[in-house]
């Protein structure tokens, strides 16, 4: 059985924390995404999650996004998603989360908010 992989890099930029995810988000890797989002939200700055390099996105990942969208609303810290495409965008559309979450075409637009 092939192991799924996910990497999430974090970078502090003026006025935001940027997370860049690459690989697959599924039931095995969603906890890594949750942990990185938790760390990022600790800064109290807008969190920009770049999903452009994510190839697969399962329901476990959707749960993490909803969880941190709600945490962000409670704390006044926005979660902004960059460039979801492919399976990520299909999953967001299928669950109508495209109407709830803040989606941006590129990193610059997300940073401007």
N, C-alpha and C. Protein backbone atom coordinates (compact mmCIF):
# COMPACT_ATOMS: atom_id res chain seq x y z
N UNK A 1 0.84 -1.18 0.00
CA UNK A 1 0.00 0.00 0.00
C UNK A 1 0.89 1.25 0.00
N UNK A 2 0.58 2.17 -0.89
CA UNK A 2 1.37 3.38 -1.01
C UNK A 2 0.98 4.38 0.07
N UNK A 3 1.99 5.01 0.66
CA UNK A 3 1.75 5.99 1.71
C UNK A 3 1.41 7.34 1.08
N UNK A 4 0.37 7.98 1.60
CA UNK A 4 0.04 9.32 1.11
C UNK A 4 0.94 10.33 1.77
N UNK A 5 1.24 11.38 1.05
CA UNK A 5 2.14 12.38 1.59
C UNK A 5 1.53 13.77 1.49
N UNK A 6 1.86 14.57 2.47
CA UNK A 6 1.46 15.96 2.49
C UNK A 6 2.58 16.74 3.15
N UNK A 7 2.94 17.85 2.55
CA UNK A 7 3.86 18.77 3.19
C UNK A 7 3.15 20.11 3.31
N UNK A 8 3.38 20.79 4.41
CA UNK A 8 2.79 22.11 4.62
C UNK A 8 3.90 23.00 5.17
N UNK A 9 4.30 23.98 4.36
CA UNK A 9 5.33 24.92 4.77
C UNK A 9 4.67 26.21 5.24
N UNK A 10 5.25 26.82 6.26
CA UNK A 10 4.70 28.04 6.84
C UNK A 10 5.69 29.18 6.65
N UNK A 11 5.14 30.36 6.34
CA UNK A 11 5.97 31.54 6.19
C UNK A 11 5.22 32.74 6.75
N UNK A 12 5.89 33.50 7.59
CA UNK A 12 5.32 34.75 8.08
C UNK A 12 5.68 35.85 7.10
N UNK A 13 4.68 36.55 6.61
CA UNK A 13 4.88 37.69 5.73
C UNK A 13 4.21 38.88 6.41
N UNK A 14 4.52 40.11 5.99
CA UNK A 14 3.89 41.26 6.63
C UNK A 14 2.36 41.17 6.57
N UNK A 15 1.75 41.09 7.74
CA UNK A 15 0.29 41.09 7.83
C UNK A 15 -0.40 39.76 7.66
N UNK A 16 0.32 38.66 7.54
CA UNK A 16 -0.34 37.36 7.36
C UNK A 16 0.63 36.21 7.62
N UNK A 17 0.05 35.04 7.79
CA UNK A 17 0.82 33.79 7.82
C UNK A 17 0.39 33.00 6.59
N UNK A 18 1.37 32.60 5.79
CA UNK A 18 1.10 31.86 4.56
C UNK A 18 1.49 30.40 4.77
N UNK A 19 0.55 29.51 4.48
CA UNK A 19 0.81 28.07 4.50
C UNK A 19 0.72 27.56 3.07
N UNK A 20 1.72 26.79 2.65
CA UNK A 20 1.71 26.20 1.31
C UNK A 20 1.64 24.69 1.46
N UNK A 21 0.51 24.14 1.01
CA UNK A 21 0.30 22.69 1.11
C UNK A 21 0.61 22.04 -0.24
N UNK A 22 1.21 20.87 -0.17
CA UNK A 22 1.52 20.12 -1.38
C UNK A 22 1.31 18.64 -1.12
N UNK A 23 0.62 17.97 -2.04
CA UNK A 23 0.41 16.53 -1.91
C UNK A 23 -1.05 16.18 -1.81
N UNK A 24 -1.35 15.30 -0.87
CA UNK A 24 -2.70 14.79 -0.72
C UNK A 24 -3.21 15.01 0.70
N UNK A 25 -4.46 15.46 0.79
CA UNK A 25 -5.10 15.62 2.09
C UNK A 25 -6.18 14.55 2.19
N UNK A 26 -5.99 13.64 3.11
CA UNK A 26 -6.94 12.55 3.33
C UNK A 26 -7.01 12.26 4.82
N UNK A 27 -7.62 11.16 5.19
CA UNK A 27 -7.79 10.85 6.61
C UNK A 27 -6.45 10.65 7.32
N UNK A 28 -5.41 10.30 6.58
CA UNK A 28 -4.10 10.10 7.19
C UNK A 28 -3.32 11.39 7.36
N UNK A 29 -3.54 12.36 6.48
CA UNK A 29 -2.73 13.58 6.50
C UNK A 29 -3.48 14.81 7.01
N UNK A 30 -4.77 14.71 7.20
CA UNK A 30 -5.57 15.86 7.65
C UNK A 30 -5.10 16.39 9.00
N UNK A 31 -4.59 15.51 9.84
CA UNK A 31 -4.12 15.95 11.16
C UNK A 31 -2.91 16.87 11.04
N UNK A 32 -2.05 16.61 10.07
CA UNK A 32 -0.91 17.49 9.81
C UNK A 32 -1.41 18.88 9.41
N UNK A 33 -2.39 18.93 8.51
CA UNK A 33 -2.97 20.21 8.09
C UNK A 33 -3.59 20.93 9.28
N UNK A 34 -4.31 20.19 10.11
CA UNK A 34 -4.95 20.78 11.31
C UNK A 34 -3.88 21.38 12.23
N UNK A 35 -2.80 20.67 12.45
CA UNK A 35 -1.74 21.15 13.32
C UNK A 35 -1.08 22.42 12.79
N UNK A 36 -0.83 22.45 11.48
CA UNK A 36 -0.21 23.64 10.88
C UNK A 36 -1.16 24.83 10.93
N UNK A 37 -2.45 24.60 10.71
CA UNK A 37 -3.43 25.69 10.82
C UNK A 37 -3.51 26.19 12.25
N UNK A 38 -3.47 25.29 13.21
CA UNK A 38 -3.52 25.68 14.62
C UNK A 38 -2.35 26.59 14.97
N UNK A 39 -1.15 26.21 14.53
CA UNK A 39 0.02 27.05 14.76
C UNK A 39 -0.13 28.42 14.11
N UNK A 40 -0.60 28.42 12.87
CA UNK A 40 -0.74 29.67 12.13
C UNK A 40 -1.75 30.60 12.78
N UNK A 41 -2.85 30.06 13.25
CA UNK A 41 -3.89 30.88 13.88
C UNK A 41 -3.42 31.46 15.20
N UNK A 42 -2.39 30.87 15.80
CA UNK A 42 -1.84 31.38 17.05
C UNK A 42 -1.21 32.76 16.90
N UNK A 43 -0.85 33.14 15.67
CA UNK A 43 -0.23 34.44 15.44
C UNK A 43 -1.23 35.59 15.46
N UNK A 44 -2.53 35.26 15.32
CA UNK A 44 -3.55 36.31 15.33
C UNK A 44 -3.62 37.13 14.06
N UNK A 45 -2.94 36.67 13.01
CA UNK A 45 -2.94 37.34 11.71
C UNK A 45 -3.79 36.54 10.72
N UNK A 46 -4.25 37.18 9.63
CA UNK A 46 -4.93 36.40 8.60
C UNK A 46 -4.08 35.21 8.17
N UNK A 47 -4.74 34.09 7.92
CA UNK A 47 -4.05 32.88 7.49
C UNK A 47 -4.41 32.61 6.04
N UNK A 48 -3.38 32.52 5.20
CA UNK A 48 -3.56 32.25 3.78
C UNK A 48 -3.05 30.84 3.52
N UNK A 49 -3.96 29.98 3.06
CA UNK A 49 -3.62 28.58 2.79
C UNK A 49 -3.61 28.37 1.27
N UNK A 50 -2.41 28.16 0.74
CA UNK A 50 -2.24 27.96 -0.69
C UNK A 50 -2.42 26.47 -1.00
N UNK A 51 -3.47 26.17 -1.75
CA UNK A 51 -3.80 24.78 -2.08
C UNK A 51 -3.47 24.43 -3.52
N UNK A 52 -2.75 25.30 -4.21
CA UNK A 52 -2.51 25.09 -5.64
C UNK A 52 -1.72 23.82 -5.95
N UNK A 53 -0.94 23.32 -5.01
CA UNK A 53 -0.15 22.10 -5.25
C UNK A 53 -0.77 20.86 -4.61
N UNK A 54 -2.02 20.97 -4.17
CA UNK A 54 -2.70 19.81 -3.59
C UNK A 54 -3.38 19.03 -4.71
N UNK A 55 -3.07 17.74 -4.80
CA UNK A 55 -3.56 16.90 -5.89
C UNK A 55 -4.84 16.16 -5.54
N UNK A 56 -5.06 15.91 -4.26
CA UNK A 56 -6.23 15.15 -3.81
C UNK A 56 -6.70 15.74 -2.49
N UNK A 57 -8.02 15.86 -2.35
CA UNK A 57 -8.56 16.48 -1.14
C UNK A 57 -9.81 15.72 -0.73
N UNK A 58 -9.72 14.97 0.35
CA UNK A 58 -10.83 14.15 0.83
C UNK A 58 -11.68 14.91 1.84
N UNK A 59 -12.76 14.30 2.26
CA UNK A 59 -13.70 14.93 3.20
C UNK A 59 -13.04 15.29 4.52
N UNK A 60 -12.02 14.55 4.92
CA UNK A 60 -11.31 14.89 6.17
C UNK A 60 -10.69 16.27 6.06
N UNK A 61 -10.20 16.63 4.90
CA UNK A 61 -9.64 17.95 4.67
C UNK A 61 -10.71 19.02 4.71
N UNK A 62 -11.87 18.71 4.15
CA UNK A 62 -12.98 19.67 4.18
C UNK A 62 -13.38 19.97 5.62
N UNK A 63 -13.39 18.96 6.45
CA UNK A 63 -13.73 19.15 7.86
C UNK A 63 -12.74 20.10 8.54
N UNK A 64 -11.47 19.97 8.20
CA UNK A 64 -10.44 20.84 8.78
C UNK A 64 -10.66 22.28 8.31
N UNK A 65 -10.97 22.47 7.04
CA UNK A 65 -11.22 23.81 6.53
C UNK A 65 -12.40 24.47 7.21
N UNK A 66 -13.49 23.73 7.37
CA UNK A 66 -14.67 24.27 8.04
C UNK A 66 -14.34 24.59 9.50
N UNK A 67 -13.64 23.70 10.17
CA UNK A 67 -13.25 23.92 11.56
C UNK A 67 -12.48 25.23 11.72
N UNK A 68 -11.49 25.44 10.85
CA UNK A 68 -10.66 26.64 10.99
C UNK A 68 -11.32 27.89 10.42
N UNK A 69 -12.25 27.73 9.50
CA UNK A 69 -13.06 28.87 9.08
C UNK A 69 -13.87 29.38 10.27
N UNK A 70 -14.49 28.47 11.01
CA UNK A 70 -15.30 28.84 12.18
C UNK A 70 -14.44 29.41 13.30
N UNK A 71 -13.27 28.81 13.54
CA UNK A 71 -12.34 29.34 14.54
C UNK A 71 -11.94 30.76 14.15
N UNK A 72 -11.66 30.95 12.88
CA UNK A 72 -11.29 32.27 12.39
C UNK A 72 -12.39 33.29 12.58
N UNK A 73 -13.62 32.90 12.31
CA UNK A 73 -14.74 33.81 12.53
C UNK A 73 -14.86 34.18 14.00
N UNK A 74 -14.70 33.20 14.89
CA UNK A 74 -14.78 33.47 16.33
C UNK A 74 -13.68 34.41 16.80
N UNK A 75 -12.48 34.27 16.23
CA UNK A 75 -11.33 35.06 16.67
C UNK A 75 -11.11 36.34 15.86
N UNK A 76 -11.89 36.51 14.81
CA UNK A 76 -11.68 37.65 13.93
C UNK A 76 -10.42 37.51 13.09
N UNK A 77 -10.05 36.27 12.79
CA UNK A 77 -8.85 35.97 12.00
C UNK A 77 -9.31 35.23 10.74
N UNK A 78 -9.23 35.89 9.58
CA UNK A 78 -9.74 35.23 8.37
C UNK A 78 -8.85 34.10 7.88
N UNK A 79 -9.50 33.09 7.31
CA UNK A 79 -8.83 32.01 6.59
C UNK A 79 -9.10 32.23 5.12
N UNK A 80 -8.04 32.39 4.34
CA UNK A 80 -8.17 32.64 2.91
C UNK A 80 -7.52 31.49 2.15
N UNK A 81 -8.24 30.93 1.19
CA UNK A 81 -7.74 29.81 0.40
C UNK A 81 -7.28 30.30 -0.97
N UNK A 82 -6.11 29.86 -1.38
CA UNK A 82 -5.55 30.27 -2.66
C UNK A 82 -5.63 29.12 -3.66
N UNK A 83 -6.18 29.43 -4.81
CA UNK A 83 -6.10 28.61 -6.00
C UNK A 83 -6.51 27.15 -5.84
N UNK A 84 -7.62 26.90 -5.17
CA UNK A 84 -8.06 25.50 -5.15
C UNK A 84 -8.48 25.08 -6.56
N UNK A 85 -8.01 23.93 -7.00
CA UNK A 85 -8.36 23.44 -8.33
C UNK A 85 -8.47 21.93 -8.28
N UNK A 86 -8.84 21.34 -9.37
CA UNK A 86 -8.93 19.89 -9.47
C UNK A 86 -9.85 19.31 -8.41
N UNK A 87 -9.36 18.29 -7.73
CA UNK A 87 -10.20 17.60 -6.74
C UNK A 87 -10.55 18.51 -5.57
N UNK A 88 -9.69 19.48 -5.27
CA UNK A 88 -9.98 20.40 -4.16
C UNK A 88 -11.19 21.25 -4.52
N UNK A 89 -11.17 21.84 -5.70
CA UNK A 89 -12.28 22.69 -6.12
C UNK A 89 -13.56 21.88 -6.29
N UNK A 90 -13.45 20.67 -6.83
CA UNK A 90 -14.64 19.82 -6.98
C UNK A 90 -15.26 19.52 -5.62
N UNK A 91 -14.43 19.22 -4.64
CA UNK A 91 -14.94 18.92 -3.30
C UNK A 91 -15.60 20.15 -2.68
N UNK A 92 -15.00 21.32 -2.87
CA UNK A 92 -15.57 22.55 -2.32
C UNK A 92 -16.90 22.88 -3.00
N UNK A 93 -16.97 22.69 -4.31
CA UNK A 93 -18.21 22.96 -5.04
C UNK A 93 -19.31 21.97 -4.66
N UNK A 94 -18.94 20.70 -4.55
CA UNK A 94 -19.93 19.66 -4.24
C UNK A 94 -20.58 19.88 -2.88
N UNK A 95 -19.85 20.48 -1.97
CA UNK A 95 -20.38 20.72 -0.62
C UNK A 95 -20.85 22.16 -0.44
N UNK A 96 -20.84 22.94 -1.51
CA UNK A 96 -21.19 24.37 -1.53
C UNK A 96 -20.32 25.21 -0.59
N UNK A 97 -19.16 24.71 -0.23
CA UNK A 97 -18.25 25.49 0.61
C UNK A 97 -17.65 26.66 -0.16
N UNK A 98 -17.76 26.64 -1.49
CA UNK A 98 -17.30 27.79 -2.28
C UNK A 98 -18.09 29.04 -1.92
N UNK A 99 -19.29 28.86 -1.37
CA UNK A 99 -20.12 29.99 -0.97
C UNK A 99 -19.80 30.47 0.45
N UNK A 100 -19.08 29.68 1.21
CA UNK A 100 -18.78 30.00 2.61
C UNK A 100 -17.34 30.44 2.82
N UNK A 101 -16.42 29.72 2.20
CA UNK A 101 -14.99 29.99 2.39
C UNK A 101 -14.52 31.10 1.45
N UNK A 102 -13.47 31.80 1.86
CA UNK A 102 -12.89 32.87 1.05
C UNK A 102 -11.86 32.28 0.10
N UNK A 103 -12.18 32.30 -1.21
CA UNK A 103 -11.31 31.73 -2.23
C UNK A 103 -10.68 32.84 -3.07
N UNK A 104 -9.41 32.66 -3.40
CA UNK A 104 -8.67 33.65 -4.19
C UNK A 104 -7.91 32.93 -5.31
N UNK A 105 -7.73 33.63 -6.44
CA UNK A 105 -7.05 33.05 -7.58
C UNK A 105 -5.56 32.94 -7.39
N UNK A 106 -4.97 33.87 -6.63
CA UNK A 106 -3.52 33.82 -6.44
C UNK A 106 -3.15 34.37 -5.06
N UNK A 107 -1.89 34.20 -4.71
CA UNK A 107 -1.40 34.57 -3.39
C UNK A 107 -1.51 36.08 -3.16
N UNK A 108 -1.16 36.87 -4.16
CA UNK A 108 -1.23 38.33 -3.99
C UNK A 108 -2.64 38.79 -3.66
N UNK A 109 -3.63 38.26 -4.36
CA UNK A 109 -5.02 38.63 -4.09
C UNK A 109 -5.43 38.23 -2.68
N UNK A 110 -5.00 37.05 -2.25
CA UNK A 110 -5.34 36.58 -0.90
C UNK A 110 -4.68 37.45 0.16
N UNK A 111 -3.46 37.88 -0.08
CA UNK A 111 -2.78 38.73 0.88
C UNK A 111 -3.44 40.10 0.99
N UNK A 112 -3.96 40.59 -0.12
CA UNK A 112 -4.68 41.86 -0.09
C UNK A 112 -6.03 41.71 0.60
N UNK A 113 -6.58 40.49 0.53
CA UNK A 113 -7.84 40.18 1.19
C UNK A 113 -8.99 40.94 0.63
